[in-house]
Every structure is written in C-alpha cells, then in structure tokens.
Amino acid sequence: MVRELESIRLQQSSSEASSAVVEAAAIAASSPFPATAPAANPVFYRTYSRRTEIGREPWDDVVQRTTAGLVKLGQLTEAEARLIEQMQQEVKALPSGRWLWVGGTPWIEKEENFSGAYNCTSTNVIDWRAFGLMMDLAMMGCGTGAILEPRYISHLPAIRNVLQVQVVGEVGTTPAGQRRDRTEVVINDHEATIYVGDSRQGWVYSYQALLELATDDRFTREIAVVVNVNDVRPEGEVLKGFGGVANPIRLSGLYARCANLLNKAIGRQLTSVECCLLIDEAAATVVAGNIRRSAGMRQSNSEDTAFAVAKDNLWQQDAAGNWRIDPERDVLRMANHTRVYHHKPTEQECVDAVRKQFYSGEGAIQYAPEAIARSNRDLLDTPDKGQKFVDLYCESTELAKAYLKELLLERRKAVQAVSTEG
C-alpha cells in the first residue's frame, strides 16, 4: 500500500513538473525577450510599458513609438530608422530607459520636458535653484547627481530664519477643473502661505520656495509657514502627460522634515551631509509619488570626512536586540555617496574603499582627472594625450584646462582646413 502511494505521488510530481515546464516554455515562446532573461518581461511591463485606452503597450508598440520619436528628433533616414527598429526588436541595442518610457510621446516634445529623455544628470549645488532642479529632474524619472564639494556649496547662503511649518487642507479637496496649476507664495508680515500647485512644477517650486524662505532677508524673526495642499490631486489619479498615476503620500510631510533640517543650521551654511538630506527628502517624496525608483549619486571631495561616513551604521540594534534604521538618516539610502579624488589615491586608500564597499555597499571613489579624460575622449584620442592630461591635472587644473583648450583649437583648425579644401 505504501509503495502504491509513493508511486502515485511520483507520478503526480512528474506530471506537475511537466506542466510547469510546458507553461514556462509557452511563456518564453510568447515573450519578445531572450529565455536567458526571465525577469525581462515583468520588468518591461512594470517600468516601460505605458497604459493606453486598450491596456498596456506590448513590446512591439514600444519599439515603434520610440523609433518614431528618434526619427523625428534626429531627422533620420529610412535606412537608419530600420536599423534602430531592428536592433530594438532583436534586443541588441536600446535607447535610454527614460526614452523607452517617454520617447515618441507628445510630452517629450515640450521644451520644459526635454531633460526627461536622459537617464542621468549632474548638478553643481551652488544655490537653492539647484535643489529645485534636482527635484524637477527626479520627477521626470532622471537620475540625479549632486556635486557637493566645498568649492560649490560654499556659495550657498547661511540659514537665518527659523521656519515653523503648518500644513493645512487635504490632498484632493479641490475638484479637478478648479485646481491651481502653479504654486503661489503669499507673504503677509512674518507669515508665508504656500499654495501647492497641482503639477510637477507646482511640487518643485513649493519645495524650493520653502528652502528660499530660510535665507530670505526680508524677515527678521521666525516665519510662520502655512502650506496649503488642497489643490494637489489625490492618490491614483492619472498623470495624463508623463504617464503613471499620482501618489502624493509623502508630500504633506516633506515641508516639516525640510524645515527641521534647516532650523538646525541657523547662523551658518549647510554641510554636505545636510545638503544630501534635503535633496534625499525630495527624492523620497518623488519615489513615493510613483514616478521611478530613486537613482541618485552625491559627490564630495576626498577630504570631506563627515560625508565619507554619513551612511555608516544606518541600522542600529537596541538593548532588546531589535534592529531599526536611524530615522534622522533614513533618506540617505536614496543615493550613492562617492568621494572625488583630485589627486591620485594611494594604494591603501583604494584598498580601504573596496573593503568598505564589500561590507556596506558604500565607499565608492572617483579619480577626477581620469573621469574627465574619459568624457573628453574625442580630444584625448590617444593614450599619450590622455596621460598628459592626467599628469597636468595633478600638477594644476588650470594647466589641464589650457591643454584641452589647445587641443580643441587644433581640432577646429583641422575641420576648417578640410572644409576649405572641399
């Protein structure tokens, strides 16, 4: 009897396994992606397939949409268009992930949205507009790089005003046809009311306006900041241009969290770590807003020790053995921290960086002259030229700049000569 039961179970297991294999084979056969990339299909539908009136776009439709957008943008020939479409269909070459999402849509043809075609961006943080710009880029799905070296953030004004924030109203209160699109700021004595607009620009300016109030010299004492969120669309409402749906779950809390950070810096300039926290608070709000995961990189120089250890020991254990993340630094997880070396790092510094990355995932370093040389490969087109640039940079950045300028002038003369001969 036992043997018979075991035989039946083996037959059932074999049958179930065969069914699973057949099902997997059917899915693979219907998928436009290679069998060696089993996660490609769900990732595609999660991240790059737009919702339409008849459902989600299939891969063929995305290929056609993005190719048409590239043809229009680059004024490509039919042969070039066929090659691009073929490479996408065969999954051998693709445009940027951001272009897969917005390429060929009316949204990307508007000038204020052009940056939304780029996966990655980089911003020198020298004023409050840089903070607003990075939130704007993040809301378009772009990765945000923030350069926070002392030579840049030293241009930020000192924090002078204490901000007492009160959020009034509720998201989704105002009917769709009656919402203000742009943020309005109304100043009355020592009270500032921020009416948050129902748009990407509305969110961005409300955030930037709060930061600007902290250094506004029109005020001589603490500022009562009232943030009205009635006009913000509710969770789940469709974002018709960019795509996706609204999810302002963290927006209302953004203003108080930023004010708390700013109030700790009264009478001085922000540190690189405080800049990170302010940027990452906005990034966390955007991620919750259902736009994209945060893809951020924060850079400071190799001498900034506080920046280097800012993410150390984020997880801490209490006396009872429970693990918790430090709530004061939680949002730092939104971005990678990279230290920039303007001199050649020693072997030990490289070993320490790799060891730290092994244990924590953090500790990346960048050798500035080599990175700059790679980004100017059109001018530094031989190993000797590249090495000469690196050597000059380590001696003097001005000498390195002069060398690049010299090569650029030589290139222009050569182009002009060819043009004249033609």
Protein backbone atom coordinates (compact mmCIF):
# COMPACT_ATOMS: atom_id res chain seq x y z
CA MET A 1 0.00 0.00 0.00
CA VAL A 2 2.83 2.38 0.91
CA ARG A 3 4.63 1.59 -2.34
CA GLU A 4 1.48 2.28 -4.35
CA LEU A 5 1.03 5.68 -2.64
CA GLU A 6 4.67 6.56 -3.31
CA SER A 7 4.22 5.56 -6.96
CA ILE A 8 1.12 7.78 -7.28
CA ARG A 9 2.96 10.71 -5.65
CA LEU A 10 5.91 10.32 -8.03
CA GLN A 11 3.56 10.28 -11.00
CA GLN A 12 1.79 13.40 -9.73
CA SER A 13 5.11 15.20 -9.12
CA SER A 14 6.31 14.23 -12.58
CA SER A 15 3.06 15.42 -14.12
CA GLU A 16 3.19 18.74 -12.23
CA ALA A 17 6.81 19.25 -13.22
CA SER A 18 5.98 18.54 -16.86
CA SER A 19 3.09 21.03 -16.72
CA ALA A 20 5.36 23.67 -15.23
CA VAL A 21 7.92 23.10 -17.96
CA VAL A 22 5.25 23.35 -20.66
CA GLU A 23 3.84 26.54 -19.09
CA ALA A 24 7.31 28.09 -18.83
CA ALA A 25 8.02 27.16 -22.44
CA ALA A 26 4.75 28.77 -23.54
CA ILE A 27 5.56 31.98 -21.69
CA ALA A 28 9.08 32.02 -23.15
CA ALA A 29 7.72 31.46 -26.64
CA SER A 30 5.31 34.38 -26.34
CA SER A 31 7.88 36.73 -24.77
CA PRO A 32 9.86 39.04 -27.06
CA PHE A 33 12.81 38.74 -24.71
CA PRO A 34 15.51 36.02 -24.56
CA ALA A 35 14.95 32.96 -22.39
CA THR A 36 18.20 33.87 -20.65
CA ALA A 37 16.48 36.97 -19.24
CA PRO A 38 13.46 35.55 -17.36
CA ALA A 39 12.87 38.79 -15.45
CA ALA A 40 12.79 40.94 -18.58
CA ASN A 41 9.06 40.58 -19.23
CA PRO A 42 7.82 41.68 -15.77
CA VAL A 43 10.41 44.47 -15.63
CA PHE A 44 9.29 45.71 -19.04
CA TYR A 45 5.62 45.85 -18.07
CA ARG A 46 6.43 47.39 -14.68
CA THR A 47 8.72 50.14 -15.92
CA TYR A 48 8.50 50.83 -19.65
CA SER A 49 5.06 49.80 -20.93
CA ARG A 50 2.67 52.76 -20.89
CA ARG A 51 -1.04 52.44 -20.16
CA THR A 52 -3.30 53.13 -23.13
CA GLU A 53 -7.06 53.15 -23.59
CA ILE A 54 -6.93 49.47 -24.55
CA GLY A 55 -4.40 48.36 -21.96
CA ARG A 56 -0.64 48.12 -21.58
CA GLU A 57 1.64 48.61 -24.58
CA PRO A 58 3.25 45.39 -25.88
CA TRP A 59 6.94 45.42 -26.76
CA ASP A 60 6.31 45.89 -30.50
CA ASP A 61 4.32 49.07 -29.83
CA VAL A 62 7.08 50.49 -27.60
CA VAL A 63 9.67 49.79 -30.30
CA GLN A 64 7.55 51.58 -32.90
CA ARG A 65 6.81 54.52 -30.61
CA THR A 66 10.42 55.08 -29.54
CA THR A 67 11.80 54.60 -33.06
CA ALA A 68 9.33 57.14 -34.45
CA GLY A 69 10.41 59.58 -31.75
CA LEU A 70 14.10 59.13 -32.59
CA VAL A 71 13.43 59.53 -36.32
CA LYS A 72 11.63 62.81 -35.69
CA LEU A 73 14.22 64.08 -33.22
CA GLY A 74 17.26 63.20 -35.33
CA GLN A 75 15.69 63.61 -38.78
CA LEU A 76 16.90 60.09 -39.56
CA THR A 77 16.78 58.35 -42.91
CA GLU A 78 14.62 55.31 -43.63
CA ALA A 79 17.69 53.07 -43.51
CA GLU A 80 18.69 54.48 -40.12
CA ALA A 81 15.15 54.01 -38.82
CA ARG A 82 15.06 50.38 -39.99
CA LEU A 83 18.39 49.67 -38.29
CA ILE A 84 17.25 51.19 -34.98
CA GLU A 85 13.97 49.27 -35.09
CA GLN A 86 15.78 46.02 -35.93
CA MET A 87 18.28 46.43 -33.09
CA GLN A 88 15.44 47.04 -30.63
CA GLN A 89 13.37 44.11 -31.89
CA GLU A 90 16.40 41.82 -31.52
CA VAL A 91 17.18 43.40 -28.11
CA LYS A 92 20.74 44.14 -29.21
CA ALA A 93 20.68 47.91 -28.69
CA LEU A 94 18.14 50.11 -26.93
CA PRO A 95 17.68 53.83 -26.31
CA SER A 96 17.87 55.12 -22.74
CA GLY A 97 15.41 53.68 -20.27
CA ARG A 98 13.84 57.12 -19.98
CA TRP A 99 13.34 57.22 -23.76
CA LEU A 100 11.65 53.83 -23.61
CA TRP A 101 9.11 55.47 -21.31
CA VAL A 102 8.62 58.91 -22.90
CA GLY A 103 10.11 58.61 -26.40
CA GLY A 104 7.64 59.37 -29.16
CA THR A 105 5.04 60.88 -26.82
CA PRO A 106 3.69 64.46 -27.09
CA TRP A 107 5.05 65.05 -23.57
CA ILE A 108 8.73 64.85 -24.57
CA GLU A 109 8.24 67.35 -27.39
CA LYS A 110 7.62 70.18 -24.92
CA GLU A 111 10.77 72.14 -24.11
CA GLU A 112 10.30 72.00 -20.34
CA ASN A 113 10.35 68.21 -20.55
CA PHE A 114 13.42 67.69 -22.77
CA SER A 115 15.58 66.55 -19.84
CA GLY A 116 13.18 63.66 -19.27
CA ALA A 117 14.89 61.76 -22.09
CA TYR A 118 18.09 61.37 -20.07
CA ASN A 119 18.83 58.55 -17.62
CA CYS A 120 21.41 60.57 -15.69
CA THR A 121 22.12 64.21 -14.85
CA SER A 122 24.66 66.12 -12.78
CA THR A 123 24.25 69.43 -10.95
CA ASN A 124 26.75 71.68 -9.14
CA VAL A 125 24.97 72.68 -5.92
CA ILE A 126 25.60 76.41 -5.59
CA ASP A 127 22.14 77.84 -4.85
CA TRP A 128 18.55 76.88 -3.97
CA ARG A 129 17.66 76.58 -7.65
CA ALA A 130 19.94 73.55 -7.85
CA PHE A 131 17.81 71.81 -5.21
CA GLY A 132 14.63 72.61 -7.14
CA LEU A 133 16.21 71.47 -10.39
CA MET A 134 17.10 68.08 -8.94
CA MET A 135 13.56 67.51 -7.68
CA ASP A 136 12.26 68.52 -11.11
CA LEU A 137 14.62 66.06 -12.82
CA ALA A 138 13.71 63.30 -10.38
CA MET A 139 10.01 63.84 -11.11
CA MET A 140 10.80 63.27 -14.79
CA GLY A 141 12.46 59.97 -13.84
CA CYS A 142 16.04 61.15 -14.35
CA GLY A 143 18.87 60.01 -12.12
CA THR A 144 20.21 62.98 -10.15
CA GLY A 145 23.85 63.65 -9.46
CA ALA A 146 24.65 66.33 -6.89
CA ILE A 147 28.18 67.77 -6.72
CA LEU A 148 28.59 68.84 -3.09
CA GLU A 149 32.27 69.69 -2.91
CA PRO A 150 33.12 72.64 -0.62
CA ARG A 151 34.03 74.87 -3.60
CA TYR A 152 30.38 74.66 -4.67
CA ILE A 153 28.28 74.52 -1.50
CA SER A 154 30.32 77.39 -0.03
CA HIS A 155 28.22 79.62 -2.34
CA LEU A 156 25.01 78.68 -0.50
CA PRO A 157 23.71 81.44 1.79
CA ALA A 158 23.77 80.99 5.56
CA ILE A 159 20.49 79.91 7.17
CA ARG A 160 19.00 82.88 9.01
CA ASN A 161 15.26 82.27 9.57
CA VAL A 162 13.55 79.72 11.80
CA LEU A 163 10.67 78.09 9.93
CA GLN A 164 7.53 76.98 11.78
CA VAL A 165 5.58 74.86 9.31
CA GLN A 166 1.88 74.07 9.41
CA VAL A 167 0.22 72.03 6.65
CA VAL A 168 -3.45 72.84 6.09
CA GLY A 169 -6.14 71.29 3.93
CA GLU A 170 -6.16 67.80 2.47
CA VAL A 171 -4.85 66.42 -0.78
CA GLY A 172 -7.62 66.01 -3.36
CA THR A 173 -10.02 68.55 -1.82
CA THR A 174 -10.27 70.85 -4.84
CA PRO A 175 -12.17 69.42 -7.86
CA ALA A 176 -10.03 68.70 -10.93
CA GLY A 177 -11.23 71.63 -13.02
CA GLN A 178 -10.67 74.19 -10.25
CA ARG A 179 -7.12 73.37 -9.09
CA ARG A 180 -4.33 75.89 -9.47
CA ASP A 181 -1.57 74.51 -11.66
CA ARG A 182 1.34 76.58 -10.36
CA THR A 183 2.44 77.17 -6.80
CA GLU A 184 1.71 80.59 -5.32
CA VAL A 185 3.53 82.11 -2.34
CA VAL A 186 1.78 84.88 -0.41
CA ILE A 187 3.78 86.94 2.13
CA ASN A 188 1.95 88.74 4.93
CA ASP A 189 4.22 90.26 7.59
CA HIS A 190 6.00 87.27 9.15
CA GLU A 191 3.69 84.66 7.67
CA ALA A 192 4.21 82.94 4.33
CA THR A 193 1.47 80.84 2.75
CA ILE A 194 2.48 78.35 0.07
CA TYR A 195 -0.39 77.18 -2.12
CA VAL A 196 0.99 74.00 -3.70
CA GLY A 197 0.17 73.75 -7.41
CA ASP A 198 -1.12 70.53 -8.97
CA SER A 199 1.75 69.90 -11.39
CA ARG A 200 5.35 68.80 -11.43
CA GLN A 201 6.41 72.43 -11.40
CA GLY A 202 3.98 73.06 -8.56
CA TRP A 203 5.58 70.44 -6.33
CA VAL A 204 9.07 71.61 -7.24
CA TYR A 205 8.52 75.30 -6.59
CA SER A 206 6.74 74.65 -3.28
CA TYR A 207 9.86 72.76 -2.12
CA GLN A 208 12.28 75.37 -3.46
CA ALA A 209 10.21 78.23 -2.02
CA LEU A 210 10.44 76.71 1.46
CA LEU A 211 14.23 76.49 1.19
CA GLU A 212 14.44 80.09 -0.03
CA LEU A 213 12.41 81.31 2.95
CA ALA A 214 15.14 80.03 5.29
CA THR A 215 17.56 82.62 3.90
CA ASP A 216 15.14 85.41 2.88
CA ASP A 217 16.49 88.69 4.30
CA ARG A 218 13.04 90.31 4.23
CA PHE A 219 12.33 88.56 7.53
CA THR A 220 13.86 89.44 10.89
CA ARG A 221 12.40 86.68 13.08
CA GLU A 222 10.87 83.24 12.76
CA ILE A 223 8.48 82.70 9.87
CA ALA A 224 5.11 81.01 10.21
CA VAL A 225 4.91 78.92 7.03
CA VAL A 226 1.45 77.68 6.08
CA VAL A 227 1.42 75.05 3.34
CA ASN A 228 -1.95 74.52 1.65
CA VAL A 229 -2.22 71.17 -0.21
CA ASN A 230 -5.91 71.32 -1.20
CA ASP A 231 -5.10 71.65 -4.91
CA VAL A 232 -2.87 68.56 -5.13
CA ARG A 233 -4.53 65.69 -6.99
CA PRO A 234 -5.33 62.58 -4.93
CA GLU A 235 -3.66 59.19 -4.99
CA GLY A 236 -4.44 57.09 -8.05
CA GLU A 237 -5.41 59.91 -10.40
CA VAL A 238 -3.84 59.50 -13.85
CA LEU A 239 -0.89 61.68 -14.91
CA LYS A 240 -2.04 62.23 -18.50
CA GLY A 241 1.15 63.69 -19.98
CA PHE A 242 4.04 61.92 -18.30
CA GLY A 243 2.12 58.74 -17.61
CA GLY A 244 1.58 56.75 -14.44
CA VAL A 245 -0.64 57.75 -11.54
CA ALA A 246 -0.38 60.26 -8.70
CA ASN A 247 0.70 59.18 -5.23
CA PRO A 248 1.40 62.21 -3.01
CA ILE A 249 1.64 60.10 0.15
CA ARG A 250 4.83 61.80 1.45
CA LEU A 251 4.29 65.29 0.05
CA SER A 252 2.48 66.80 3.05
CA GLY A 253 5.27 65.73 5.40
CA LEU A 254 8.08 66.98 3.14
CA TYR A 255 7.86 70.59 4.30
CA ALA A 256 8.17 69.95 8.05
CA ARG A 257 11.01 67.48 7.52
CA CYS A 258 12.95 70.02 5.46
CA ALA A 259 12.22 72.81 7.95
CA ASN A 260 13.58 70.68 10.81
CA LEU A 261 16.83 70.20 8.89
CA LEU A 262 17.14 73.89 8.06
CA ASN A 263 16.37 75.02 11.61
CA LYS A 264 19.36 73.07 12.91
CA ALA A 265 21.69 75.18 10.77
CA ILE A 266 20.66 78.66 11.93
CA GLY A 267 23.55 81.12 11.65
CA ARG A 268 25.72 79.03 9.33
CA GLN A 269 25.89 77.39 5.92
CA LEU A 270 24.70 73.85 5.30
CA THR A 271 27.17 70.98 5.41
CA SER A 272 27.46 68.49 2.55
CA VAL A 273 25.56 65.88 4.60
CA GLU A 274 22.73 68.33 5.36
CA CYS A 275 22.52 69.07 1.63
CA CYS A 276 22.25 65.33 1.00
CA LEU A 277 19.41 65.05 3.49
CA LEU A 278 17.45 67.90 1.90
CA ILE A 279 17.91 66.50 -1.61
CA ASP A 280 17.04 62.98 -0.49
CA GLU A 281 13.88 64.11 1.31
CA ALA A 282 12.63 65.38 -2.05
CA ALA A 283 13.83 62.16 -3.72
CA ALA A 284 11.90 60.03 -1.23
CA THR A 285 8.77 62.08 -1.92
CA VAL A 286 9.18 61.55 -5.66
CA VAL A 287 9.69 57.80 -5.29
CA ALA A 288 6.54 57.60 -3.22
CA GLY A 289 4.92 59.64 -6.00
CA ASN A 290 5.07 56.56 -8.22
CA ILE A 291 7.46 58.06 -10.76
CA ARG A 292 10.56 55.88 -10.55
CA ARG A 293 12.91 54.41 -8.01
CA SER A 294 15.44 56.97 -6.80
CA ALA A 295 18.63 56.88 -8.83
CA GLY A 296 20.90 59.37 -7.12
CA MET A 297 24.59 60.00 -6.66
CA ARG A 298 26.04 62.52 -4.25
CA GLN A 299 29.66 63.58 -4.65
CA SER A 300 32.03 65.43 -2.33
CA ASN A 301 35.79 65.61 -2.22
CA SER A 302 38.10 63.08 -0.62
CA GLU A 303 38.85 65.38 2.33
CA ASP A 304 35.21 65.56 3.47
CA THR A 305 35.32 63.03 6.32
CA ALA A 306 31.76 63.66 7.53
CA PHE A 307 30.45 62.91 4.05
CA ALA A 308 32.56 59.75 3.83
CA VAL A 309 30.95 58.20 6.93
CA ALA A 310 27.45 59.70 6.62
CA LYS A 311 25.85 56.33 5.84
CA ASP A 312 27.86 54.21 8.28
CA ASN A 313 25.80 52.19 10.76
CA LEU A 314 22.41 53.26 9.39
CA TRP A 315 20.95 50.14 11.03
CA GLN A 316 21.30 50.03 14.81
CA GLN A 317 20.31 47.49 17.45
CA ASP A 318 18.63 48.48 20.70
CA ALA A 319 19.08 46.87 24.12
CA ALA A 320 16.34 44.35 23.38
CA GLY A 321 18.09 43.20 20.21
CA ASN A 322 15.67 44.87 17.81
CA TRP A 323 17.12 46.36 14.65
CA ARG A 324 15.97 49.79 13.48
CA ILE A 325 17.19 52.33 10.97
CA ASP A 326 18.31 55.72 12.23
CA PRO A 327 15.24 57.88 11.39
CA GLU A 328 17.40 61.01 11.17
CA ARG A 329 19.38 59.50 8.29
CA ASP A 330 16.86 57.13 6.71
CA VAL A 331 16.53 59.06 3.43
CA LEU A 332 20.29 58.85 2.79
CA ARG A 333 19.52 55.41 1.37
CA MET A 334 18.07 57.17 -1.67
CA ALA A 335 21.51 57.79 -3.19
CA ASN A 336 25.06 56.54 -3.51
CA HIS A 337 27.84 58.61 -1.90
CA THR A 338 31.04 58.98 -3.92
CA ARG A 339 34.27 60.66 -2.83
CA VAL A 340 36.15 62.55 -5.55
CA TYR A 341 39.95 62.49 -5.55
CA HIS A 342 41.62 65.39 -7.32
CA HIS A 343 44.98 63.78 -6.58
CA LYS A 344 45.95 60.18 -7.30
CA PRO A 345 44.63 58.00 -4.43
CA THR A 346 47.19 55.81 -2.70
CA GLU A 347 47.05 52.04 -2.89
CA GLN A 348 45.85 51.91 0.73
CA GLU A 349 43.05 54.41 0.03
CA CYS A 350 41.89 52.21 -2.85
CA VAL A 351 42.04 49.07 -0.68
CA ASP A 352 40.08 50.80 2.10
CA ALA A 353 37.43 51.96 -0.39
CA VAL A 354 36.99 48.48 -1.88
CA ARG A 355 36.82 46.89 1.57
CA LYS A 356 34.17 49.37 2.67
CA GLN A 357 32.13 48.68 -0.46
CA PHE A 358 32.37 44.94 0.20
CA TYR A 359 30.92 45.27 3.70
CA SER A 360 28.40 48.06 3.21
CA GLY A 361 27.92 48.74 -0.50
CA GLU A 362 29.23 52.27 0.06
CA GLY A 363 32.66 53.87 -0.23
CA ALA A 364 32.93 54.49 -3.98
CA ILE A 365 35.74 56.77 -5.10
CA GLN A 366 36.34 58.66 -8.33
CA TYR A 367 39.71 59.82 -9.66
CA ALA A 368 38.72 63.16 -11.19
CA PRO A 369 41.34 63.57 -13.96
CA GLU A 370 40.71 60.09 -15.35
CA ALA A 371 36.94 60.66 -15.31
CA ILE A 372 37.36 63.99 -17.12
CA ALA A 373 39.74 62.39 -19.63
CA ARG A 374 37.17 59.69 -20.46
CA SER A 375 34.47 62.29 -21.01
CA ASN A 376 36.78 64.17 -23.42
CA ARG A 377 37.85 61.13 -25.43
CA ASP A 378 37.17 62.97 -28.69
CA LEU A 379 40.04 65.35 -27.88
CA LEU A 380 42.21 62.99 -25.82
CA ASP A 381 42.09 60.38 -28.56
CA THR A 382 45.42 58.65 -27.85
CA PRO A 383 46.83 57.10 -24.65
CA ASP A 384 49.65 59.67 -24.63
CA LYS A 385 47.27 62.61 -24.77
CA GLY A 386 45.14 61.10 -22.01
CA GLN A 387 48.13 60.52 -19.75
CA LYS A 388 49.47 64.02 -20.40
CA PHE A 389 46.11 65.48 -19.35
CA VAL A 390 46.06 63.42 -16.13
CA ASP A 391 49.63 64.48 -15.28
CA LEU A 392 48.85 68.14 -15.94
CA TYR A 393 45.67 67.95 -13.83
CA CYS A 394 47.59 66.60 -10.86
CA GLU A 395 50.04 69.47 -11.27
CA SER A 396 47.46 72.21 -11.87
CA THR A 397 43.84 72.15 -13.00
CA GLU A 398 44.48 75.38 -14.92
CA LEU A 399 47.24 73.70 -16.94
CA ALA A 400 44.87 70.81 -17.71
CA LYS A 401 42.16 73.22 -18.86
CA ALA A 402 44.65 75.06 -21.08
CA TYR A 403 45.72 71.76 -22.66
CA LEU A 404 42.13 70.82 -23.50
CA LYS A 405 41.56 74.26 -24.96
CA GLU A 406 44.71 73.89 -27.08
CA LEU A 407 43.51 70.54 -28.44
CA LEU A 408 40.06 71.96 -29.15
CA LEU A 409 41.53 74.85 -31.17
CA GLU A 410 43.69 72.37 -33.13
CA ARG A 411 40.60 70.28 -33.88
CA ARG A 412 38.67 73.31 -35.11
CA LYS A 413 41.53 74.40 -37.38
CA ALA A 414 41.71 70.90 -38.87
CA VAL A 415 37.96 70.89 -39.54
CA GLN A 416 38.14 74.34 -41.13
CA ALA A 417 41.04 73.23 -43.33
CA VAL A 418 39.11 70.22 -44.60
CA SER A 419 36.06 72.41 -45.21
CA THR A 420 38.12 74.95 -47.17
CA GLU A 421 39.70 72.24 -49.32
CA GLY A 422 36.27 70.81 -50.07
